[in-house]
Each structure stands twice: as C-alpha cells, then as structure tokens.
Amino acid sequence: GQFGEVVEGKVLGLLQQNVVTTVAVKMLKNSHTDADMVNLVM
C-alpha cells in the first residue's frame, strides 16, 4: 500500500527445530510516518 508492504518469508524453527515455514511478513515502507508505526503496532 502507500506506507506498508507484505513480503513472503521463510522462518527457521517456528514450528519445530530444523523445519522451515513459509510465512507472510508485514512491515512499513521507508515513506511511513509515526502514525503508520502506531497503526502497525496496534
């Protein structure tokens, strides 16, 4: 979107040791504001 993005991710050990899980990772873009950060934490 204008301030946030979702990317595919791989996480090691999320469910069990030595297992890689495909996940979605949501984060802010560089153009974000403090209000966007508050929203993401909320």
PDB file of all heavy atoms in Angstrom:
ATOM      1  N   GLY A   1       0.843  -1.179   0.000  1.00  0.00           N
ATOM      2  CA  GLY A   1       0.000   0.000   0.000  1.00  0.00           C
ATOM      3  C   GLY A   1       0.881   1.232   0.000  1.00  0.00           C
ATOM      4  O   GLY A   1       2.061   1.174  -0.366  1.00  0.00           O
ATOM      5  N   GLN A   2       0.329   2.365   0.429  1.00  0.00           N
ATOM      6  CA  GLN A   2       1.083   3.606   0.379  1.00  0.00           C
ATOM      7  C   GLN A   2       2.244   3.594   1.375  1.00  0.00           C
ATOM      8  O   GLN A   2       3.320   4.125   1.112  1.00  0.00           O
ATOM      9  CB  GLN A   2       0.162   4.792   0.658  1.00  0.00           C
ATOM     10  CG  GLN A   2       0.825   6.148   0.446  1.00  0.00           C
ATOM     11  CD  GLN A   2      -0.153   7.282   0.592  1.00  0.00           C
ATOM     12  OE1 GLN A   2      -1.341   7.068   0.852  1.00  0.00           O
ATOM     13  NE2 GLN A   2       0.330   8.503   0.429  1.00  0.00           N
ATOM     14  N   PHE A   3       2.020   2.977   2.542  1.00  0.00           N
ATOM     15  CA  PHE A   3       3.042   3.019   3.584  1.00  0.00           C
ATOM     16  C   PHE A   3       3.530   1.640   4.033  1.00  0.00           C
ATOM     17  O   PHE A   3       4.547   1.530   4.690  1.00  0.00           O
ATOM     18  CB  PHE A   3       2.512   3.769   4.808  1.00  0.00           C
ATOM     19  CG  PHE A   3       2.080   5.172   4.504  1.00  0.00           C
ATOM     20  CD1 PHE A   3       0.742   5.512   4.495  1.00  0.00           C
ATOM     21  CD2 PHE A   3       3.009   6.145   4.209  1.00  0.00           C
ATOM     22  CE1 PHE A   3       0.344   6.804   4.210  1.00  0.00           C
ATOM     23  CE2 PHE A   3       2.629   7.433   3.912  1.00  0.00           C
ATOM     24  CZ  PHE A   3       1.277   7.777   3.913  1.00  0.00           C
ATOM     25  N   GLY A   4       2.799   0.576   3.734  1.00  0.00           N
ATOM     26  CA  GLY A   4       3.171  -0.749   4.205  1.00  0.00           C
ATOM     27  C   GLY A   4       3.291  -1.738   3.065  1.00  0.00           C
ATOM     28  O   GLY A   4       2.819  -1.506   1.955  1.00  0.00           O
ATOM     29  N   GLU A   5       3.943  -2.854   3.349  1.00  0.00           N
ATOM     30  CA  GLU A   5       4.048  -3.920   2.367  1.00  0.00           C
ATOM     31  C   GLU A   5       4.096  -5.264   3.069  1.00  0.00           C
ATOM     32  O   GLU A   5       4.439  -5.360   4.247  1.00  0.00           O
ATOM     33  CB  GLU A   5       5.286  -3.733   1.495  1.00  0.00           C
ATOM     34  CG  GLU A   5       6.599  -3.779   2.240  1.00  0.00           C
ATOM     35  CD  GLU A   5       7.797  -3.577   1.311  1.00  0.00           C
ATOM     36  OE1 GLU A   5       7.652  -3.830   0.103  1.00  0.00           O
ATOM     37  OE2 GLU A   5       8.870  -3.198   1.800  1.00  0.00           O
ATOM     38  N   VAL A   6       3.713  -6.305   2.326  1.00  0.00           N
ATOM     39  CA  VAL A   6       3.750  -7.673   2.827  1.00  0.00           C
ATOM     40  C   VAL A   6       4.633  -8.475   1.888  1.00  0.00           C
ATOM     41  O   VAL A   6       4.443  -8.443   0.667  1.00  0.00           O
ATOM     42  CB  VAL A   6       2.343  -8.292   2.894  1.00  0.00           C
ATOM     43  CG1 VAL A   6       2.412  -9.723   3.419  1.00  0.00           C
ATOM     44  CG2 VAL A   6       1.426  -7.452   3.781  1.00  0.00           C
ATOM     45  N   VAL A   7       5.603  -9.195   2.444  1.00  0.00           N
ATOM     46  CA  VAL A   7       6.502  -9.998   1.629  1.00  0.00           C
ATOM     47  C   VAL A   7       6.457 -11.447   2.103  1.00  0.00           C
ATOM     48  O   VAL A   7       6.098 -11.735   3.249  1.00  0.00           O
ATOM     49  CB  VAL A   7       7.956  -9.473   1.687  1.00  0.00           C
ATOM     50  CG1 VAL A   7       8.031  -8.021   1.262  1.00  0.00           C
ATOM     51  CG2 VAL A   7       8.551  -9.657   3.080  1.00  0.00           C
ATOM     52  N   GLU A   8       6.794 -12.336   1.211  1.00  0.00           N
ATOM     53  CA  GLU A   8       6.914 -13.750   1.591  1.00  0.00           C
ATOM     54  C   GLU A   8       8.185 -13.937   2.398  1.00  0.00           C
ATOM     55  O   GLU A   8       9.208 -13.279   2.145  1.00  0.00           O
ATOM     56  CB  GLU A   8       6.952 -14.603   0.329  1.00  0.00           C
ATOM     57  CG  GLU A   8       7.023 -16.094   0.581  1.00  0.00           C
ATOM     58  CD  GLU A   8       7.036 -16.908  -0.699  1.00  0.00           C
ATOM     59  OE1 GLU A   8       6.348 -16.508  -1.665  1.00  0.00           O
ATOM     60  OE2 GLU A   8       7.733 -17.937  -0.740  1.00  0.00           O
ATOM     61  N   GLY A   9       8.116 -14.801   3.381  1.00  0.00           N
ATOM     62  CA  GLY A   9       9.293 -15.053   4.199  1.00  0.00           C
ATOM     63  C   GLY A   9       9.457 -16.529   4.510  1.00  0.00           C
ATOM     64  O   GLY A   9       8.513 -17.312   4.398  1.00  0.00           O
ATOM     65  N   LYS A  10      10.665 -16.906   4.867  1.00  0.00           N
ATOM     66  CA  LYS A  10      10.971 -18.254   5.340  1.00  0.00           C
ATOM     67  C   LYS A  10      11.510 -18.129   6.760  1.00  0.00           C
ATOM     68  O   LYS A  10      12.434 -17.349   7.007  1.00  0.00           O
ATOM     69  CB  LYS A  10      12.015 -18.936   4.457  1.00  0.00           C
ATOM     70  CG  LYS A  10      11.670 -18.989   2.965  1.00  0.00           C
ATOM     71  CD  LYS A  10      10.672 -20.077   2.665  1.00  0.00           C
ATOM     72  CE  LYS A  10      10.480 -20.241   1.149  1.00  0.00           C
ATOM     73  NZ  LYS A  10       9.517 -21.296   0.823  1.00  0.00           N
ATOM     74  N   VAL A  11      10.921 -18.887   7.685  1.00  0.00           N
ATOM     75  CA  VAL A  11      11.346 -18.821   9.088  1.00  0.00           C
ATOM     76  C   VAL A  11      11.809 -20.196   9.538  1.00  0.00           C
ATOM     77  O   VAL A  11      11.081 -21.187   9.380  1.00  0.00           O
ATOM     78  CB  VAL A  11      10.207 -18.324   9.995  1.00  0.00           C
ATOM     79  CG1 VAL A  11      10.683 -18.250  11.444  1.00  0.00           C
ATOM     80  CG2 VAL A  11       9.714 -16.962   9.536  1.00  0.00           C
ATOM     81  N   LEU A  12      12.976 -20.230  10.111  1.00  0.00           N
ATOM     82  CA  LEU A  12      13.541 -21.471  10.626  1.00  0.00           C
ATOM     83  C   LEU A  12      13.111 -21.679  12.079  1.00  0.00           C
ATOM     84  O   LEU A  12      13.187 -20.778  12.900  1.00  0.00           O
ATOM     85  CB  LEU A  12      15.065 -21.424  10.547  1.00  0.00           C
ATOM     86  CG  LEU A  12      15.819 -22.604  11.163  1.00  0.00           C
ATOM     87  CD1 LEU A  12      15.626 -23.850  10.310  1.00  0.00           C
ATOM     88  CD2 LEU A  12      17.293 -22.264  11.307  1.00  0.00           C
ATOM     89  N   GLY A  13      12.645 -22.872  12.391  1.00  0.00           N
ATOM     90  CA  GLY A  13      12.356 -23.232  13.771  1.00  0.00           C
ATOM     91  C   GLY A  13      11.088 -22.647  14.337  1.00  0.00           C
ATOM     92  O   GLY A  13      10.906 -22.642  15.556  1.00  0.00           O
ATOM     93  N   LEU A  14      10.187 -22.171  13.503  1.00  0.00           N
ATOM     94  CA  LEU A  14       8.953 -21.573  14.000  1.00  0.00           C
ATOM     95  C   LEU A  14       8.038 -22.625  14.621  1.00  0.00           C
ATOM     96  O   LEU A  14       7.464 -22.415  15.689  1.00  0.00           O
ATOM     97  CB  LEU A  14       8.224 -20.846  12.865  1.00  0.00           C
ATOM     98  CG  LEU A  14       6.922 -20.154  13.228  1.00  0.00           C
ATOM     99  CD1 LEU A  14       7.171 -19.033  14.228  1.00  0.00           C
ATOM    100  CD2 LEU A  14       6.239 -19.602  11.987  1.00  0.00           C
ATOM    101  N   LEU A  15       7.885 -23.750  13.935  1.00  0.00           N
ATOM    102  CA  LEU A  15       7.011 -24.815  14.425  1.00  0.00           C
ATOM    103  C   LEU A  15       7.790 -25.879  15.180  1.00  0.00           C
ATOM    104  O   LEU A  15       7.340 -26.394  16.196  1.00  0.00           O
ATOM    105  CB  LEU A  15       6.255 -25.451  13.259  1.00  0.00           C
ATOM    106  CG  LEU A  15       5.370 -24.500  12.458  1.00  0.00           C
ATOM    107  CD1 LEU A  15       4.677 -25.252  11.337  1.00  0.00           C
ATOM    108  CD2 LEU A  15       4.343 -23.823  13.353  1.00  0.00           C
ATOM    109  N   GLN A  16       8.963 -26.209  14.664  1.00  0.00           N
ATOM    110  CA  GLN A  16       9.829 -27.165  15.338  1.00  0.00           C
ATOM    111  C   GLN A  16      11.239 -27.003  14.804  1.00  0.00           C
ATOM    112  O   GLN A  16      11.449 -26.383  13.764  1.00  0.00           O
ATOM    113  CB  GLN A  16       9.335 -28.603  15.137  1.00  0.00           C
ATOM    114  CG  GLN A  16       9.355 -29.081  13.694  1.00  0.00           C
ATOM    115  CD  GLN A  16       8.712 -30.435  13.518  1.00  0.00           C
ATOM    116  OE1 GLN A  16       7.507 -30.587  13.609  1.00  0.00           O
ATOM    117  NE2 GLN A  16       9.542 -31.437  13.272  1.00  0.00           N
ATOM    118  N   GLN A  17      12.198 -27.533  15.524  1.00  0.00           N
ATOM    119  CA  GLN A  17      13.597 -27.362  15.163  1.00  0.00           C
ATOM    120  C   GLN A  17      13.889 -27.963  13.789  1.00  0.00           C
ATOM    121  O   GLN A  17      13.378 -29.013  13.424  1.00  0.00           O
ATOM    122  CB  GLN A  17      14.488 -28.018  16.217  1.00  0.00           C
ATOM    123  CG  GLN A  17      15.975 -27.701  16.037  1.00  0.00           C
ATOM    124  CD  GLN A  17      16.812 -28.278  17.154  1.00  0.00           C
ATOM    125  OE1 GLN A  17      16.323 -29.098  17.932  1.00  0.00           O
ATOM    126  NE2 GLN A  17      18.062 -27.868  17.241  1.00  0.00           N
ATOM    127  N   ASN A  18      14.722 -27.233  13.027  1.00  0.00           N
ATOM    128  CA  ASN A  18      15.161 -27.678  11.702  1.00  0.00           C
ATOM    129  C   ASN A  18      14.020 -27.812  10.702  1.00  0.00           C
ATOM    130  O   ASN A  18      14.105 -28.600   9.760  1.00  0.00           O
ATOM    131  CB  ASN A  18      15.925 -29.007  11.787  1.00  0.00           C
ATOM    132  CG  ASN A  18      17.268 -28.843  12.480  1.00  0.00           C
ATOM    133  OD1 ASN A  18      17.735 -27.717  12.659  1.00  0.00           O
ATOM    134  ND2 ASN A  18      17.870 -29.951  12.869  1.00  0.00           N
ATOM    135  N   VAL A  19      12.934 -27.063  10.918  1.00  0.00           N
ATOM    136  CA  VAL A  19      11.834 -27.010   9.963  1.00  0.00           C
ATOM    137  C   VAL A  19      11.674 -25.564   9.500  1.00  0.00           C
ATOM    138  O   VAL A  19      11.679 -24.642  10.308  1.00  0.00           O
ATOM    139  CB  VAL A  19      10.514 -27.508  10.583  1.00  0.00           C
ATOM    140  CG1 VAL A  19       9.342 -27.263   9.637  1.00  0.00           C
ATOM    141  CG2 VAL A  19      10.626 -28.995  10.897  1.00  0.00           C
ATOM    142  N   VAL A  20      11.565 -25.382   8.200  1.00  0.00           N
ATOM    143  CA  VAL A  20      11.405 -24.055   7.615  1.00  0.00           C
ATOM    144  C   VAL A  20       9.935 -23.838   7.256  1.00  0.00           C
ATOM    145  O   VAL A  20       9.325 -24.682   6.598  1.00  0.00           O
ATOM    146  CB  VAL A  20      12.282 -23.896   6.357  1.00  0.00           C
ATOM    147  CG1 VAL A  20      12.010 -22.568   5.680  1.00  0.00           C
ATOM    148  CG2 VAL A  20      13.756 -24.007   6.732  1.00  0.00           C
ATOM    149  N   THR A  21       9.372 -22.735   7.704  1.00  0.00           N
ATOM    150  CA  THR A  21       7.961 -22.432   7.465  1.00  0.00           C
ATOM    151  C   THR A  21       7.832 -21.217   6.551  1.00  0.00           C
ATOM    152  O   THR A  21       8.510 -20.203   6.756  1.00  0.00           O
ATOM    153  CB  THR A  21       7.241 -22.134   8.794  1.00  0.00           C
ATOM    154  OG1 THR A  21       7.419 -23.235   9.681  1.00  0.00           O
ATOM    155  CG2 THR A  21       5.755 -21.899   8.568  1.00  0.00           C
ATOM    156  N   THR A  22       6.991 -21.322   5.546  1.00  0.00           N
ATOM    157  CA  THR A  22       6.695 -20.182   4.692  1.00  0.00           C
ATOM    158  C   THR A  22       5.644 -19.304   5.368  1.00  0.00           C
ATOM    159  O   THR A  22       4.595 -19.797   5.786  1.00  0.00           O
ATOM    160  CB  THR A  22       6.177 -20.639   3.318  1.00  0.00           C
ATOM    161  OG1 THR A  22       7.151 -21.475   2.704  1.00  0.00           O
ATOM    162  CG2 THR A  22       5.919 -19.442   2.405  1.00  0.00           C
ATOM    163  N   VAL A  23       5.924 -18.018   5.477  1.00  0.00           N
ATOM    164  CA  VAL A  23       5.049 -17.093   6.190  1.00  0.00           C
ATOM    165  C   VAL A  23       4.866 -15.820   5.369  1.00  0.00           C
ATOM    166  O   VAL A  23       5.507 -15.632   4.328  1.00  0.00           O
ATOM    167  CB  VAL A  23       5.640 -16.728   7.564  1.00  0.00           C
ATOM    168  CG1 VAL A  23       5.787 -17.965   8.451  1.00  0.00           C
ATOM    169  CG2 VAL A  23       6.991 -16.012   7.410  1.00  0.00           C
ATOM    170  N   ALA A  24       3.986 -14.953   5.845  1.00  0.00           N
ATOM    171  CA  ALA A  24       3.862 -13.601   5.307  1.00  0.00           C
ATOM    172  C   ALA A  24       4.417 -12.632   6.351  1.00  0.00           C
ATOM    173  O   ALA A  24       4.158 -12.782   7.539  1.00  0.00           O
ATOM    174  CB  ALA A  24       2.401 -13.274   5.001  1.00  0.00           C
ATOM    175  N   VAL A  25       5.204 -11.672   5.895  1.00  0.00           N
ATOM    176  CA  VAL A  25       5.831 -10.708   6.802  1.00  0.00           C
ATOM    177  C   VAL A  25       5.356  -9.304   6.426  1.00  0.00           C
ATOM    178  O   VAL A  25       5.568  -8.847   5.301  1.00  0.00           O
ATOM    179  CB  VAL A  25       7.372 -10.780   6.716  1.00  0.00           C
ATOM    180  CG1 VAL A  25       8.009  -9.799   7.706  1.00  0.00           C
ATOM    181  CG2 VAL A  25       7.859 -12.199   6.971  1.00  0.00           C
ATOM    182  N   LYS A  26       4.710  -8.630   7.380  1.00  0.00           N
ATOM    183  CA  LYS A  26       4.210  -7.278   7.148  1.00  0.00           C
ATOM    184  C   LYS A  26       5.144  -6.276   7.793  1.00  0.00           C
ATOM    185  O   LYS A  26       5.590  -6.463   8.927  1.00  0.00           O
ATOM    186  CB  LYS A  26       2.801  -7.122   7.715  1.00  0.00           C
ATOM    187  CG  LYS A  26       2.137  -5.800   7.324  1.00  0.00           C
ATOM    188  CD  LYS A  26       0.661  -5.820   7.644  1.00  0.00           C
ATOM    189  CE  LYS A  26      -0.043  -4.595   7.083  1.00  0.00           C
ATOM    190  NZ  LYS A  26      -1.500  -4.628   7.305  1.00  0.00           N
ATOM    191  N   MET A  27       5.437  -5.205   7.072  1.00  0.00           N
ATOM    192  CA  MET A  27       6.365  -4.183   7.553  1.00  0.00           C
ATOM    193  C   MET A  27       6.004  -2.830   6.957  1.00  0.00           C
ATOM    194  O   MET A  27       5.175  -2.738   6.039  1.00  0.00           O
ATOM    195  CB  MET A  27       7.796  -4.563   7.176  1.00  0.00           C
ATOM    196  CG  MET A  27       8.050  -4.543   5.670  1.00  0.00           C
ATOM    197  SD  MET A  27       9.645  -5.251   5.196  1.00  0.00           S
ATOM    198  CE  MET A  27       9.297  -6.993   5.429  1.00  0.00           C
ATOM    199  N   LEU A  28       6.624  -1.795   7.464  1.00  0.00           N
ATOM    200  CA  LEU A  28       6.415  -0.451   6.940  1.00  0.00           C
ATOM    201  C   LEU A  28       7.413  -0.153   5.828  1.00  0.00           C
ATOM    202  O   LEU A  28       8.524  -0.690   5.807  1.00  0.00           O
ATOM    203  CB  LEU A  28       6.573   0.589   8.049  1.00  0.00           C
ATOM    204  CG  LEU A  28       5.522   0.558   9.155  1.00  0.00           C
ATOM    205  CD1 LEU A  28       5.875   1.583  10.226  1.00  0.00           C
ATOM    206  CD2 LEU A  28       4.131   0.824   8.611  1.00  0.00           C
ATOM    207  N   LYS A  29       7.010   0.727   4.906  1.00  0.00           N
ATOM    208  CA  LYS A  29       7.928   1.189   3.871  1.00  0.00           C
ATOM    209  C   LYS A  29       8.704   2.393   4.385  1.00  0.00           C
ATOM    210  O   LYS A  29       8.387   2.970   5.439  1.00  0.00           O
ATOM    211  CB  LYS A  29       7.128   1.546   2.610  1.00  0.00           C
ATOM    212  CG  LYS A  29       6.394   0.353   2.021  1.00  0.00           C
ATOM    213  CD  LYS A  29       5.411   0.749   0.952  1.00  0.00           C
ATOM    214  CE  LYS A  29       6.068   1.181  -0.328  1.00  0.00           C
ATOM    215  NZ  LYS A  29       5.070   1.404  -1.403  1.00  0.00           N
ATOM    216  N   ASN A  30       9.710   2.805   3.659  1.00  0.00           N
ATOM    217  CA  ASN A  30      10.554   3.922   4.097  1.00  0.00           C
ATOM    218  C   ASN A  30       9.784   5.235   4.197  1.00  0.00           C
ATOM    219  O   ASN A  30      10.186   6.131   4.933  1.00  0.00           O
ATOM    220  CB  ASN A  30      11.749   4.089   3.144  1.00  0.00           C
ATOM    221  CG  ASN A  30      12.729   2.934   3.248  1.00  0.00           C
ATOM    222  OD1 ASN A  30      12.821   2.287   4.286  1.00  0.00           O
ATOM    223  ND2 ASN A  30      13.457   2.675   2.167  1.00  0.00           N
ATOM    224  N   SER A  31       8.682   5.339   3.476  1.00  0.00           N
ATOM    225  CA  SER A  31       7.913   6.592   3.445  1.00  0.00           C
ATOM    226  C   SER A  31       6.906   6.706   4.589  1.00  0.00           C
ATOM    227  O   SER A  31       6.062   7.586   4.586  1.00  0.00           O
ATOM    228  CB  SER A  31       7.166   6.698   2.112  1.00  0.00           C
ATOM    229  OG  SER A  31       6.332   5.563   1.909  1.00  0.00           O
ATOM    230  N   HIS A  32       6.986   5.836   5.578  1.00  0.00           N
ATOM    231  CA  HIS A  32       5.998   5.811   6.653  1.00  0.00           C
ATOM    232  C   HIS A  32       6.138   7.011   7.586  1.00  0.00           C
ATOM    233  O   HIS A  32       7.161   7.707   7.606  1.00  0.00           O
ATOM    234  CB  HIS A  32       6.144   4.525   7.462  1.00  0.00           C
ATOM    235  CG  HIS A  32       7.396   4.474   8.282  1.00  0.00           C
ATOM    236  ND1 HIS A  32       8.557   3.903   7.826  1.00  0.00           N
ATOM    237  CD2 HIS A  32       7.669   4.935   9.521  1.00  0.00           C
ATOM    238  CE1 HIS A  32       9.490   4.005   8.749  1.00  0.00           C
ATOM    239  NE2 HIS A  32       8.975   4.636   9.801  1.00  0.00           N
ATOM    240  N   THR A  33       5.091   7.214   8.374  1.00  0.00           N
ATOM    241  CA  THR A  33       5.083   8.244   9.403  1.00  0.00           C
ATOM    242  C   THR A  33       4.993   7.582  10.779  1.00  0.00           C
ATOM    243  O   THR A  33       4.792   6.367  10.886  1.00  0.00           O
ATOM    244  CB  THR A  33       3.884   9.182   9.232  1.00  0.00           C
ATOM    245  OG1 THR A  33       2.668   8.421   9.436  1.00  0.00           O
ATOM    246  CG2 THR A  33       3.855   9.792   7.831  1.00  0.00           C
ATOM    247  N   ASP A  34       5.093   8.379  11.829  1.00  0.00           N
ATOM    248  CA  ASP A  34       4.919   7.843  13.177  1.00  0.00           C
ATOM    249  C   ASP A  34       3.522   7.262  13.352  1.00  0.00           C
ATOM    250  O   ASP A  34       3.332   6.252  14.033  1.00  0.00           O
ATOM    251  CB  ASP A  34       5.151   8.938  14.226  1.00  0.00           C
ATOM    252  CG  ASP A  34       6.629   9.262  14.416  1.00  0.00           C
ATOM    253  OD1 ASP A  34       7.467   8.551  13.830  1.00  0.00           O
ATOM    254  OD2 ASP A  34       6.934  10.217  15.152  1.00  0.00           O
ATOM    255  N   ALA A  35       2.524   7.889  12.725  1.00  0.00           N
ATOM    256  CA  ALA A  35       1.146   7.388  12.818  1.00  0.00           C
ATOM    257  C   ALA A  35       1.029   6.005  12.194  1.00  0.00           C
ATOM    258  O   ALA A  35       0.301   5.143  12.703  1.00  0.00           O
ATOM    259  CB  ALA A  35       0.184   8.363  12.135  1.00  0.00           C
ATOM    260  N   ASP A  36       1.754   5.755  11.114  1.00  0.00           N
ATOM    261  CA  ASP A  36       1.736   4.436  10.490  1.00  0.00           C
ATOM    262  C   ASP A  36       2.369   3.393  11.416  1.00  0.00           C
ATOM    263  O   ASP A  36       1.892   2.262  11.503  1.00  0.00           O
ATOM    264  CB  ASP A  36       2.483   4.458   9.153  1.00  0.00           C
ATOM    265  CG  ASP A  36       1.880   5.452   8.174  1.00  0.00           C
ATOM    266  OD1 ASP A  36       0.647   5.500   8.092  1.00  0.00           O
ATOM    267  OD2 ASP A  36       2.649   6.175   7.516  1.00  0.00           O
ATOM    268  N   MET A  37       3.413   3.794  12.100  1.00  0.00           N
ATOM    269  CA  MET A  37       4.051   2.885  13.050  1.00  0.00           C
ATOM    270  C   MET A  37       3.098   2.545  14.190  1.00  0.00           C
ATOM    271  O   MET A  37       2.985   1.383  14.603  1.00  0.00           O
ATOM    272  CB  MET A  37       5.323   3.531  13.606  1.00  0.00           C
ATOM    273  CG  MET A  37       6.090   2.638  14.573  1.00  0.00           C
ATOM    274  SD  MET A  37       6.684   1.124  13.761  1.00  0.00           S
ATOM    275  CE  MET A  37       7.543   0.347  15.118  1.00  0.00           C
ATOM    276  N   VAL A  38       2.401   3.546  14.699  1.00  0.00           N
ATOM    277  CA  VAL A  38       1.413   3.304  15.755  1.00  0.00           C
ATOM    278  C   VAL A  38       0.350   2.325  15.274  1.00  0.00           C
ATOM    279  O   VAL A  38      -0.032   1.394  15.986  1.00  0.00           O
ATOM    280  CB  VAL A  38       0.767   4.629  16.209  1.00  0.00           C
ATOM    281  CG1 VAL A  38      -0.470   4.367  17.065  1.00  0.00           C
ATOM    282  CG2 VAL A  38       1.769   5.469  16.993  1.00  0.00           C
ATOM    283  N   ASN A  39      -0.122   2.502  14.053  1.00  0.00           N
ATOM    284  CA  ASN A  39      -1.143   1.611  13.496  1.00  0.00           C
ATOM    285  C   ASN A  39      -0.645   0.176  13.379  1.00  0.00           C
ATOM    286  O   ASN A  39      -1.381  -0.777  13.664  1.00  0.00           O
ATOM    287  CB  ASN A  39      -1.594   2.113  12.124  1.00  0.00           C
ATOM    288  CG  ASN A  39      -2.537   3.281  12.218  1.00  0.00           C
ATOM    289  OD1 ASN A  39      -3.178   3.481  13.256  1.00  0.00           O
ATOM    290  ND2 ASN A  39      -2.628   4.064  11.168  1.00  0.00           N
ATOM    291  N   LEU A  40       0.603   0.011  12.942  1.00  0.00           N
ATOM    292  CA  LEU A  40       1.142  -1.344  12.786  1.00  0.00           C
ATOM    293  C   LEU A  40       1.309  -2.019  14.152  1.00  0.00           C
ATOM    294  O   LEU A  40       1.009  -3.207  14.302  1.00  0.00           O
ATOM    295  CB  LEU A  40       2.484  -1.295  12.051  1.00  0.00           C
ATOM    296  CG  LEU A  40       3.072  -2.654  11.654  1.00  0.00           C
ATOM    297  CD1 LEU A  40       2.127  -3.410  10.726  1.00  0.00           C
ATOM    298  CD2 LEU A  40       4.439  -2.482  10.996  1.00  0.00           C
ATOM    299  N   VAL A  41       1.754  -1.270  15.150  1.00  0.00           N
ATOM    300  CA  VAL A  41       1.879  -1.829  16.499  1.00  0.00           C
ATOM    301  C   VAL A  41       0.499  -2.181  17.050  1.00  0.00           C
ATOM    302  O   VAL A  41       0.313  -3.227  17.691  1.00  0.00           O
ATOM    303  CB  VAL A  41       2.602  -0.846  17.438  1.00  0.00           C
ATOM    304  CG1 VAL A  41       2.590  -1.368  18.877  1.00  0.00           C
ATOM    305  CG2 VAL A  41       4.043  -0.634  16.983  1.00  0.00           C
ATOM    306  N   MET A  42      -0.488  -1.329  16.780  1.00  0.00           N
ATOM    307  CA  MET A  42      -1.856  -1.622  17.213  1.00  0.00           C
ATOM    308  C   MET A  42      -2.364  -2.906  16.577  1.00  0.00           C
ATOM    309  O   MET A  42      -3.011  -3.731  17.231  1.00  0.00           O
ATOM    310  CB  MET A  42      -2.773  -0.459  16.853  1.00  0.00           C
ATOM    311  CG  MET A  42      -2.647   0.742  17.765  1.00  0.00           C
ATOM    312  SD  MET A  42      -3.405   0.462  19.380  1.00  0.00           S
ATOM    313  CE  MET A  42      -5.134   0.549  18.941  1.00  0.00           C
TER     314      MET A  42
END
